[in-house]
Amino acid sequence: MTGNEPIKVEEREKSEMQAKVLNLKDLVAYQEGTVASRMLVNKKAGTITIFSFDKDEGLSEHTAPYNALVTILDGEAEIWIGGQTFHVKEGESIILPANVPHALSAVTRFKMMLTMIRE
């Protein structure tokens, strides 16, 4: 880039968040009856995404080829990993192991940060 090309909105938005103090749970709003997300980092090495889940919403059982760290930013969730159930609340984190089935459900409305490292 020479500096004269327009910057895509999503690139500008992400660069505007850099070198600033962020309140992560304020970066995505709750939306009634659904799950919302906002990707903060999307690199070959991994991603960081903030999610909000309305009460009784969740993600069905699935696997991922990489370890992932879930950090609860607000509210409470139940997370199932390889047949075990974990009740996780604000300020707590849990690692989802690669290739192990997992799912989650909102006990209350909750927000989480998902950090996935690919390399």
N, C-alpha and C. Protein backbone atom coordinates (compact mmCIF):
# COMPACT_ATOMS: atom_id res chain seq x y z
N MET A 1 0.84 -1.19 0.00
CA MET A 1 0.00 0.00 0.00
C MET A 1 0.87 1.24 0.00
N THR A 2 0.43 2.23 -0.71
CA THR A 2 1.18 3.48 -0.77
C THR A 2 0.67 4.49 0.24
N GLY A 3 -0.43 4.17 0.89
CA GLY A 3 -1.02 5.11 1.83
C GLY A 3 -2.19 5.86 1.22
N ASN A 4 -2.38 5.74 -0.10
CA ASN A 4 -3.47 6.43 -0.77
C ASN A 4 -4.69 5.56 -0.99
N GLU A 5 -4.54 4.24 -0.82
CA GLU A 5 -5.66 3.35 -1.04
C GLU A 5 -6.62 3.42 0.15
N PRO A 6 -7.93 3.30 -0.11
CA PRO A 6 -8.88 3.29 1.01
C PRO A 6 -8.70 2.03 1.86
N ILE A 7 -8.90 2.17 3.14
CA ILE A 7 -8.81 1.04 4.06
C ILE A 7 -10.21 0.47 4.23
N LYS A 8 -10.33 -0.85 4.11
CA LYS A 8 -11.63 -1.49 4.31
C LYS A 8 -12.14 -1.17 5.71
N VAL A 9 -13.46 -1.04 5.84
CA VAL A 9 -14.07 -0.69 7.12
C VAL A 9 -13.63 -1.64 8.21
N GLU A 10 -13.67 -2.98 7.97
CA GLU A 10 -13.31 -3.94 9.01
C GLU A 10 -11.84 -3.81 9.40
N GLU A 11 -10.95 -3.49 8.44
CA GLU A 11 -9.54 -3.30 8.77
C GLU A 11 -9.35 -2.04 9.60
N ARG A 12 -10.07 -0.96 9.24
CA ARG A 12 -9.97 0.29 9.99
C ARG A 12 -10.49 0.07 11.42
N GLU A 13 -11.63 -0.64 11.53
CA GLU A 13 -12.21 -0.89 12.84
C GLU A 13 -11.24 -1.67 13.72
N LYS A 14 -10.61 -2.73 13.16
CA LYS A 14 -9.66 -3.53 13.93
C LYS A 14 -8.44 -2.71 14.31
N SER A 15 -7.93 -1.88 13.38
CA SER A 15 -6.74 -1.09 13.70
C SER A 15 -7.06 -0.02 14.73
N GLU A 16 -8.30 0.47 14.75
CA GLU A 16 -8.70 1.46 15.74
C GLU A 16 -8.75 0.87 17.15
N MET A 17 -8.85 -0.45 17.26
CA MET A 17 -8.89 -1.09 18.58
C MET A 17 -7.49 -1.37 19.11
N GLN A 18 -6.49 -1.30 18.26
CA GLN A 18 -5.14 -1.62 18.69
C GLN A 18 -4.57 -0.50 19.54
N ALA A 19 -3.71 -0.89 20.49
CA ALA A 19 -3.04 0.05 21.39
C ALA A 19 -4.03 0.90 22.17
N LYS A 20 -5.15 0.29 22.55
CA LYS A 20 -6.17 0.94 23.37
C LYS A 20 -6.61 -0.02 24.46
N VAL A 21 -7.06 0.53 25.56
CA VAL A 21 -7.66 -0.29 26.61
C VAL A 21 -9.09 -0.61 26.17
N LEU A 22 -9.42 -1.89 26.16
CA LEU A 22 -10.74 -2.34 25.71
C LEU A 22 -11.49 -3.03 26.84
N ASN A 23 -12.78 -2.79 26.94
CA ASN A 23 -13.63 -3.57 27.81
C ASN A 23 -14.29 -4.60 26.89
N LEU A 24 -13.76 -5.83 26.90
CA LEU A 24 -14.15 -6.83 25.92
C LEU A 24 -15.65 -7.10 25.90
N LYS A 25 -16.29 -7.10 27.07
CA LYS A 25 -17.71 -7.43 27.07
C LYS A 25 -18.58 -6.33 26.47
N ASP A 26 -18.00 -5.15 26.25
CA ASP A 26 -18.75 -4.07 25.60
C ASP A 26 -18.62 -4.11 24.08
N LEU A 27 -17.82 -5.02 23.54
CA LEU A 27 -17.56 -5.03 22.10
C LEU A 27 -18.63 -5.76 21.28
N VAL A 28 -19.50 -6.49 21.95
CA VAL A 28 -20.62 -7.14 21.25
C VAL A 28 -21.85 -7.06 22.15
N ALA A 29 -22.97 -6.65 21.57
CA ALA A 29 -24.21 -6.49 22.34
C ALA A 29 -25.01 -7.78 22.34
N TYR A 30 -25.84 -7.93 23.37
CA TYR A 30 -26.80 -9.03 23.37
C TYR A 30 -27.86 -8.75 22.32
N GLN A 31 -28.31 -9.82 21.67
CA GLN A 31 -29.40 -9.71 20.71
C GLN A 31 -30.42 -10.79 21.06
N GLU A 32 -31.67 -10.37 21.21
CA GLU A 32 -32.73 -11.27 21.66
C GLU A 32 -32.86 -12.49 20.75
N GLY A 33 -32.84 -13.67 21.38
CA GLY A 33 -33.10 -14.91 20.68
C GLY A 33 -32.00 -15.42 19.76
N THR A 34 -30.79 -14.91 19.92
CA THR A 34 -29.74 -15.33 19.00
C THR A 34 -28.34 -15.21 19.61
N VAL A 35 -27.36 -15.57 18.80
CA VAL A 35 -25.95 -15.47 19.15
C VAL A 35 -25.35 -14.40 18.24
N ALA A 36 -24.56 -13.50 18.81
CA ALA A 36 -23.87 -12.48 18.02
C ALA A 36 -22.38 -12.63 18.25
N SER A 37 -21.59 -12.18 17.27
CA SER A 37 -20.13 -12.30 17.44
C SER A 37 -19.43 -11.14 16.77
N ARG A 38 -18.19 -10.93 17.22
CA ARG A 38 -17.33 -9.91 16.64
C ARG A 38 -15.90 -10.43 16.67
N MET A 39 -15.30 -10.58 15.51
CA MET A 39 -13.94 -11.09 15.42
C MET A 39 -12.97 -9.93 15.63
N LEU A 40 -12.06 -10.11 16.59
CA LEU A 40 -11.07 -9.08 16.88
C LEU A 40 -9.76 -9.34 16.16
N VAL A 41 -9.40 -10.62 16.04
CA VAL A 41 -8.15 -11.01 15.38
C VAL A 41 -8.47 -12.20 14.47
N ASN A 42 -7.99 -12.13 13.25
CA ASN A 42 -8.15 -13.24 12.31
C ASN A 42 -6.84 -13.38 11.55
N LYS A 43 -5.97 -14.22 12.06
CA LYS A 43 -4.65 -14.43 11.48
C LYS A 43 -4.44 -15.91 11.19
N LYS A 44 -3.46 -16.20 10.37
CA LYS A 44 -3.13 -17.59 10.06
C LYS A 44 -2.85 -18.37 11.35
N ALA A 45 -2.23 -17.72 12.32
CA ALA A 45 -1.87 -18.38 13.58
C ALA A 45 -3.05 -18.60 14.50
N GLY A 46 -4.15 -17.86 14.32
CA GLY A 46 -5.31 -18.05 15.19
C GLY A 46 -6.28 -16.90 15.14
N THR A 47 -7.34 -17.03 15.93
CA THR A 47 -8.40 -16.02 15.97
C THR A 47 -8.77 -15.69 17.41
N ILE A 48 -9.30 -14.49 17.59
CA ILE A 48 -9.91 -14.08 18.85
C ILE A 48 -11.27 -13.49 18.49
N THR A 49 -12.33 -14.07 19.07
CA THR A 49 -13.69 -13.64 18.75
C THR A 49 -14.47 -13.46 20.05
N ILE A 50 -15.25 -12.40 20.11
CA ILE A 50 -16.14 -12.14 21.24
C ILE A 50 -17.55 -12.56 20.81
N PHE A 51 -18.23 -13.32 21.66
CA PHE A 51 -19.59 -13.78 21.38
C PHE A 51 -20.54 -13.31 22.47
N SER A 52 -21.79 -13.09 22.11
CA SER A 52 -22.86 -12.92 23.10
C SER A 52 -23.94 -13.94 22.78
N PHE A 53 -24.48 -14.56 23.82
CA PHE A 53 -25.52 -15.57 23.70
C PHE A 53 -26.72 -15.14 24.53
N ASP A 54 -27.88 -15.10 23.92
CA ASP A 54 -29.09 -14.85 24.69
C ASP A 54 -29.39 -16.11 25.52
N LYS A 55 -30.18 -15.96 26.59
CA LYS A 55 -30.53 -17.10 27.44
C LYS A 55 -31.11 -18.23 26.59
N ASP A 56 -30.71 -19.44 26.91
CA ASP A 56 -31.15 -20.67 26.23
C ASP A 56 -30.58 -20.85 24.82
N GLU A 57 -29.71 -19.97 24.37
CA GLU A 57 -29.03 -20.15 23.09
C GLU A 57 -27.75 -20.94 23.34
N GLY A 58 -27.14 -21.45 22.28
CA GLY A 58 -25.91 -22.20 22.45
C GLY A 58 -25.31 -22.63 21.13
N LEU A 59 -24.33 -23.48 21.22
CA LEU A 59 -23.69 -24.10 20.07
C LEU A 59 -23.83 -25.60 20.21
N SER A 60 -24.29 -26.26 19.17
CA SER A 60 -24.46 -27.71 19.22
C SER A 60 -23.10 -28.40 19.23
N GLU A 61 -23.13 -29.68 19.58
CA GLU A 61 -21.89 -30.44 19.70
C GLU A 61 -21.13 -30.47 18.37
N HIS A 62 -19.84 -30.22 18.47
CA HIS A 62 -18.95 -30.22 17.31
C HIS A 62 -17.52 -30.44 17.79
N THR A 63 -16.61 -30.60 16.88
CA THR A 63 -15.19 -30.69 17.21
C THR A 63 -14.45 -29.63 16.40
N ALA A 64 -13.26 -29.31 16.85
CA ALA A 64 -12.37 -28.38 16.14
C ALA A 64 -10.98 -29.00 16.13
N PRO A 65 -10.21 -28.75 15.09
CA PRO A 65 -8.89 -29.37 14.99
C PRO A 65 -7.81 -28.68 15.83
N TYR A 66 -8.20 -27.65 16.59
CA TYR A 66 -7.24 -26.89 17.39
C TYR A 66 -7.76 -26.71 18.81
N ASN A 67 -6.85 -26.54 19.77
CA ASN A 67 -7.25 -26.17 21.12
C ASN A 67 -7.86 -24.77 21.07
N ALA A 68 -8.79 -24.52 21.98
CA ALA A 68 -9.40 -23.19 22.08
C ALA A 68 -9.57 -22.85 23.55
N LEU A 69 -9.41 -21.59 23.87
CA LEU A 69 -9.61 -21.10 25.23
C LEU A 69 -10.89 -20.28 25.24
N VAL A 70 -11.82 -20.65 26.11
CA VAL A 70 -13.06 -19.89 26.32
C VAL A 70 -12.94 -19.15 27.64
N THR A 71 -13.16 -17.85 27.60
CA THR A 71 -13.17 -17.02 28.81
C THR A 71 -14.54 -16.36 28.90
N ILE A 72 -15.22 -16.59 30.01
CA ILE A 72 -16.56 -16.00 30.21
C ILE A 72 -16.38 -14.56 30.68
N LEU A 73 -16.97 -13.63 29.94
CA LEU A 73 -16.85 -12.20 30.23
C LEU A 73 -18.03 -11.66 31.02
N ASP A 74 -19.18 -12.36 30.91
CA ASP A 74 -20.41 -11.91 31.56
C ASP A 74 -21.37 -13.09 31.61
N GLY A 75 -22.09 -13.26 32.69
CA GLY A 75 -23.10 -14.31 32.77
C GLY A 75 -22.54 -15.69 33.06
N GLU A 76 -23.33 -16.73 32.71
CA GLU A 76 -22.98 -18.11 33.02
C GLU A 76 -23.35 -19.03 31.87
N ALA A 77 -22.53 -20.07 31.70
CA ALA A 77 -22.78 -21.05 30.63
C ALA A 77 -22.49 -22.45 31.14
N GLU A 78 -23.11 -23.43 30.49
CA GLU A 78 -22.74 -24.82 30.68
C GLU A 78 -21.98 -25.24 29.44
N ILE A 79 -20.83 -25.87 29.66
CA ILE A 79 -19.99 -26.31 28.56
C ILE A 79 -19.78 -27.80 28.72
N TRP A 80 -20.04 -28.54 27.65
CA TRP A 80 -19.84 -29.99 27.64
C TRP A 80 -18.58 -30.29 26.83
N ILE A 81 -17.68 -31.04 27.43
CA ILE A 81 -16.44 -31.42 26.75
C ILE A 81 -16.25 -32.92 26.95
N GLY A 82 -16.28 -33.67 25.86
CA GLY A 82 -16.05 -35.10 25.93
C GLY A 82 -16.90 -35.82 26.96
N GLY A 83 -18.17 -35.42 27.08
CA GLY A 83 -19.10 -36.07 28.00
C GLY A 83 -19.13 -35.49 29.41
N GLN A 84 -18.25 -34.55 29.74
CA GLN A 84 -18.27 -33.90 31.06
C GLN A 84 -18.95 -32.55 30.94
N THR A 85 -19.69 -32.16 31.99
CA THR A 85 -20.37 -30.87 32.02
C THR A 85 -19.66 -29.94 33.00
N PHE A 86 -19.43 -28.71 32.55
CA PHE A 86 -18.77 -27.69 33.36
C PHE A 86 -19.67 -26.46 33.42
N HIS A 87 -19.87 -25.94 34.63
CA HIS A 87 -20.61 -24.70 34.82
C HIS A 87 -19.56 -23.60 34.94
N VAL A 88 -19.56 -22.67 34.00
CA VAL A 88 -18.52 -21.65 33.92
C VAL A 88 -19.18 -20.28 34.01
N LYS A 89 -18.59 -19.40 34.83
CA LYS A 89 -19.19 -18.08 35.03
C LYS A 89 -18.16 -16.98 34.81
N GLU A 90 -18.66 -15.75 34.86
CA GLU A 90 -17.83 -14.57 34.60
C GLU A 90 -16.48 -14.66 35.31
N GLY A 91 -15.43 -14.39 34.56
CA GLY A 91 -14.08 -14.41 35.10
C GLY A 91 -13.39 -15.75 35.02
N GLU A 92 -14.12 -16.79 34.62
CA GLU A 92 -13.53 -18.13 34.53
C GLU A 92 -13.25 -18.50 33.08
N SER A 93 -12.29 -19.40 32.92
CA SER A 93 -11.89 -19.86 31.59
C SER A 93 -11.80 -21.38 31.57
N ILE A 94 -11.89 -21.95 30.37
CA ILE A 94 -11.75 -23.38 30.20
C ILE A 94 -11.15 -23.64 28.82
N ILE A 95 -10.30 -24.65 28.72
CA ILE A 95 -9.69 -25.01 27.45
C ILE A 95 -10.51 -26.13 26.80
N LEU A 96 -10.85 -25.93 25.55
CA LEU A 96 -11.52 -26.94 24.75
C LEU A 96 -10.43 -27.68 23.97
N PRO A 97 -10.18 -28.94 24.30
CA PRO A 97 -9.10 -29.67 23.62
C PRO A 97 -9.43 -29.95 22.16
N ALA A 98 -8.41 -29.94 21.34
CA ALA A 98 -8.56 -30.25 19.92
C ALA A 98 -9.15 -31.64 19.74
N ASN A 99 -10.02 -31.77 18.76
CA ASN A 99 -10.60 -33.05 18.33
C ASN A 99 -11.45 -33.75 19.39
N VAL A 100 -11.88 -33.04 20.42
CA VAL A 100 -12.77 -33.60 21.44
C VAL A 100 -14.13 -32.91 21.28
N PRO A 101 -15.21 -33.68 21.17
CA PRO A 101 -16.54 -33.07 21.00
C PRO A 101 -16.87 -32.13 22.16
N HIS A 102 -17.45 -30.99 21.82
CA HIS A 102 -17.85 -30.03 22.83
C HIS A 102 -19.08 -29.26 22.35
N ALA A 103 -19.79 -28.68 23.31
CA ALA A 103 -20.99 -27.89 23.04
C ALA A 103 -21.14 -26.91 24.19
N LEU A 104 -22.00 -25.91 24.01
CA LEU A 104 -22.25 -24.99 25.12
C LEU A 104 -23.65 -24.44 25.03
N SER A 105 -24.14 -24.00 26.20
CA SER A 105 -25.49 -23.47 26.31
C SER A 105 -25.51 -22.37 27.36
N ALA A 106 -26.31 -21.34 27.11
CA ALA A 106 -26.43 -20.22 28.03
C ALA A 106 -27.33 -20.57 29.20
N VAL A 107 -26.80 -20.55 30.41
CA VAL A 107 -27.60 -20.69 31.63
C VAL A 107 -28.32 -19.36 31.85
N THR A 108 -27.56 -18.26 31.72
CA THR A 108 -28.10 -16.90 31.67
C THR A 108 -27.56 -16.31 30.37
N ARG A 109 -27.99 -15.13 30.02
CA ARG A 109 -27.31 -14.47 28.90
C ARG A 109 -25.84 -14.42 29.27
N PHE A 110 -24.98 -14.69 28.30
CA PHE A 110 -23.56 -14.61 28.62
C PHE A 110 -22.74 -14.16 27.43
N LYS A 111 -21.56 -13.65 27.73
CA LYS A 111 -20.60 -13.24 26.71
C LYS A 111 -19.31 -14.00 26.97
N MET A 112 -18.62 -14.33 25.88
CA MET A 112 -17.37 -15.05 26.02
C MET A 112 -16.37 -14.59 24.97
N MET A 113 -15.10 -14.79 25.30
CA MET A 113 -14.04 -14.59 24.34
C MET A 113 -13.52 -15.98 23.98
N LEU A 114 -13.43 -16.25 22.68
CA LEU A 114 -12.90 -17.51 22.18
C LEU A 114 -11.56 -17.22 21.52
N THR A 115 -10.51 -17.83 22.06
CA THR A 115 -9.17 -17.69 21.50
C THR A 115 -8.76 -19.03 20.94
N MET A 116 -8.54 -19.07 19.63
CA MET A 116 -8.14 -20.32 18.98
C MET A 116 -6.74 -20.14 18.39
N ILE A 117 -5.84 -21.01 18.77
CA ILE A 117 -4.48 -20.97 18.25
C ILE A 117 -4.33 -22.11 17.25
N ARG A 118 -3.95 -21.78 16.02
CA ARG A 118 -3.85 -22.79 14.97
C ARG A 118 -2.44 -23.34 14.80
N GLU A 119 -1.46 -22.59 15.19
CA GLU A 119 -0.07 -23.04 14.97
C GLU A 119 0.63 -23.27 16.28
